[in-house]
Amino acid sequence: MDDTRRPAKRNGSKPFKKSTPRSGSRPGGFGRVRPQVDSTAAEDLAEYILKVLAKDPDALQFERETYNPGRCRVSVTCDPLVTGRLIGKDGRTITALRSLIRAAASRFGKRVDIEIT
């Protein structure tokens, strides 16, 4: 403390100053620009991973339903023997896949749900 009973200023005589946001950046967005909403990368990723998990891509049938530009559902129809491989023990495999696809879709501003029947 100096003689006037105030705390010392940082960096010599300059007081601490918060930075001002740059133009074009959003608060909390770190200036990241999101791609178009029309992207189907998350749905393609879901189909690819499910085909690899099933070991027989011909046993799966995919159907995509679009509710609005930001929401989509991927319905998978398969044999009961393959269903067990896709769901996994206590549903851990499908839960992990859903969270992975949800994270990938959020980069595009979308929401993708996966349904196995």
Protein backbone atom coordinates (compact mmCIF):
# COMPACT_ATOMS: atom_id res chain seq x y z
CA MET A 1 0.00 0.00 0.00
CA ASP A 2 1.18 3.42 -0.75
CA ASP A 3 0.90 6.59 1.32
CA THR A 4 -2.73 7.26 0.32
CA ARG A 5 -3.86 3.91 1.75
CA ARG A 6 -4.83 2.48 -1.63
CA PRO A 7 -3.55 -0.77 -3.10
CA ALA A 8 -0.77 -0.44 -5.63
CA LYS A 9 -1.71 -0.34 -9.29
CA ARG A 10 -0.71 -3.21 -11.53
CA ASN A 11 1.93 -2.78 -14.23
CA GLY A 12 3.38 0.39 -12.87
CA SER A 13 1.04 3.33 -13.23
CA LYS A 14 -1.55 1.63 -15.47
CA PRO A 15 -4.66 0.30 -13.71
CA PHE A 16 -5.94 -3.18 -14.55
CA LYS A 17 -8.38 -3.03 -17.43
CA LYS A 18 -10.71 -5.68 -18.80
CA SER A 19 -10.34 -6.36 -22.48
CA THR A 20 -13.10 -5.26 -24.81
CA PRO A 21 -14.72 -7.89 -27.05
CA ARG A 22 -13.69 -7.92 -30.66
CA SER A 23 -16.22 -7.13 -33.31
CA GLY A 24 -18.04 -10.18 -34.68
CA SER A 25 -17.50 -12.38 -31.65
CA ARG A 26 -20.21 -13.67 -29.37
CA PRO A 27 -19.93 -13.79 -25.59
CA GLY A 28 -18.74 -17.26 -24.65
CA GLY A 29 -18.36 -18.27 -28.29
CA PHE A 30 -14.66 -17.47 -28.61
CA GLY A 31 -15.28 -16.06 -32.09
CA ARG A 32 -16.09 -19.46 -33.58
CA VAL A 33 -18.25 -19.47 -36.70
CA ARG A 34 -20.69 -22.35 -37.04
CA PRO A 35 -21.16 -24.04 -40.42
CA GLN A 36 -24.49 -24.31 -42.23
CA VAL A 37 -27.39 -26.12 -40.54
CA ASP A 38 -27.94 -28.32 -43.62
CA SER A 39 -24.90 -30.49 -42.85
CA THR A 40 -25.44 -34.24 -42.57
CA ALA A 41 -22.00 -35.06 -41.17
CA ALA A 42 -23.36 -36.23 -37.80
CA GLU A 43 -25.93 -38.55 -39.42
CA ASP A 44 -23.26 -39.98 -41.74
CA LEU A 45 -20.98 -40.55 -38.75
CA ALA A 46 -23.77 -42.38 -36.89
CA GLU A 47 -24.46 -44.64 -39.88
CA TYR A 48 -20.76 -45.41 -40.32
CA ILE A 49 -20.21 -46.33 -36.65
CA LEU A 50 -23.37 -48.47 -36.54
CA LYS A 51 -22.28 -50.35 -39.68
CA VAL A 52 -18.89 -51.08 -38.14
CA LEU A 53 -20.45 -52.24 -34.87
CA ALA A 54 -22.89 -54.55 -36.65
CA LYS A 55 -20.10 -56.27 -38.67
CA ASP A 56 -22.71 -56.89 -41.38
CA PRO A 57 -23.76 -53.60 -43.00
CA ASP A 58 -26.44 -55.37 -45.05
CA ALA A 59 -28.34 -56.29 -41.87
CA LEU A 60 -29.07 -52.62 -41.10
CA GLN A 61 -31.67 -50.36 -42.66
CA PHE A 62 -31.48 -46.63 -42.00
CA GLU A 63 -34.24 -44.06 -42.19
CA ARG A 64 -33.67 -40.33 -41.65
CA GLU A 65 -36.50 -38.11 -40.50
CA THR A 66 -36.10 -34.34 -40.42
CA TYR A 67 -38.46 -32.48 -38.11
CA ASN A 68 -37.14 -28.96 -38.65
CA PRO A 69 -33.83 -27.60 -39.98
CA GLY A 70 -32.09 -28.15 -36.65
CA ARG A 71 -33.41 -31.57 -35.63
CA CYS A 72 -33.14 -35.04 -37.18
CA ARG A 73 -33.78 -38.64 -36.16
CA VAL A 74 -31.88 -41.64 -37.49
CA SER A 75 -33.98 -44.81 -37.13
CA VAL A 76 -32.15 -48.12 -37.45
CA THR A 77 -33.99 -51.35 -38.18
CA CYS A 78 -32.02 -54.58 -37.78
CA ASP A 79 -32.16 -58.26 -36.78
CA PRO A 80 -32.59 -59.07 -33.08
CA LEU A 81 -29.13 -60.67 -33.01
CA VAL A 82 -27.52 -57.46 -34.24
CA THR A 83 -29.61 -55.30 -31.91
CA GLY A 84 -27.76 -56.69 -28.89
CA ARG A 85 -24.40 -55.70 -30.36
CA LEU A 86 -25.60 -52.16 -31.07
CA ILE A 87 -27.15 -51.58 -27.66
CA GLY A 88 -24.34 -53.18 -25.68
CA LYS A 89 -24.22 -54.30 -22.07
CA ASP A 90 -26.73 -52.27 -20.04
CA GLY A 91 -27.07 -49.87 -23.00
CA ARG A 92 -23.56 -48.51 -22.62
CA THR A 93 -22.65 -48.72 -26.30
CA ILE A 94 -25.72 -46.90 -27.59
CA THR A 95 -25.48 -44.31 -24.81
CA ALA A 96 -21.86 -43.56 -25.75
CA LEU A 97 -22.78 -43.40 -29.43
CA ARG A 98 -25.67 -41.02 -28.76
CA SER A 99 -23.47 -38.67 -26.73
CA LEU A 100 -20.76 -38.75 -29.43
CA ILE A 101 -23.24 -37.98 -32.19
CA ARG A 102 -24.92 -35.27 -30.11
CA ALA A 103 -21.53 -33.59 -29.63
CA ALA A 104 -20.71 -33.85 -33.34
CA ALA A 105 -24.11 -32.46 -34.32
CA SER A 106 -23.87 -29.56 -31.90
CA ARG A 107 -20.91 -28.23 -33.89
CA PHE A 108 -23.37 -27.67 -36.74
CA GLY A 109 -26.14 -26.32 -34.52
CA LYS A 110 -28.21 -29.48 -34.92
CA ARG A 111 -29.67 -32.19 -32.72
CA VAL A 112 -29.55 -35.81 -33.93
CA ASP A 113 -31.41 -38.60 -32.14
CA ILE A 114 -30.69 -42.29 -32.75
CA GLU A 115 -33.44 -44.88 -32.42
CA ILE A 116 -32.88 -48.64 -32.72
CA THR A 117 -35.88 -50.81 -33.53
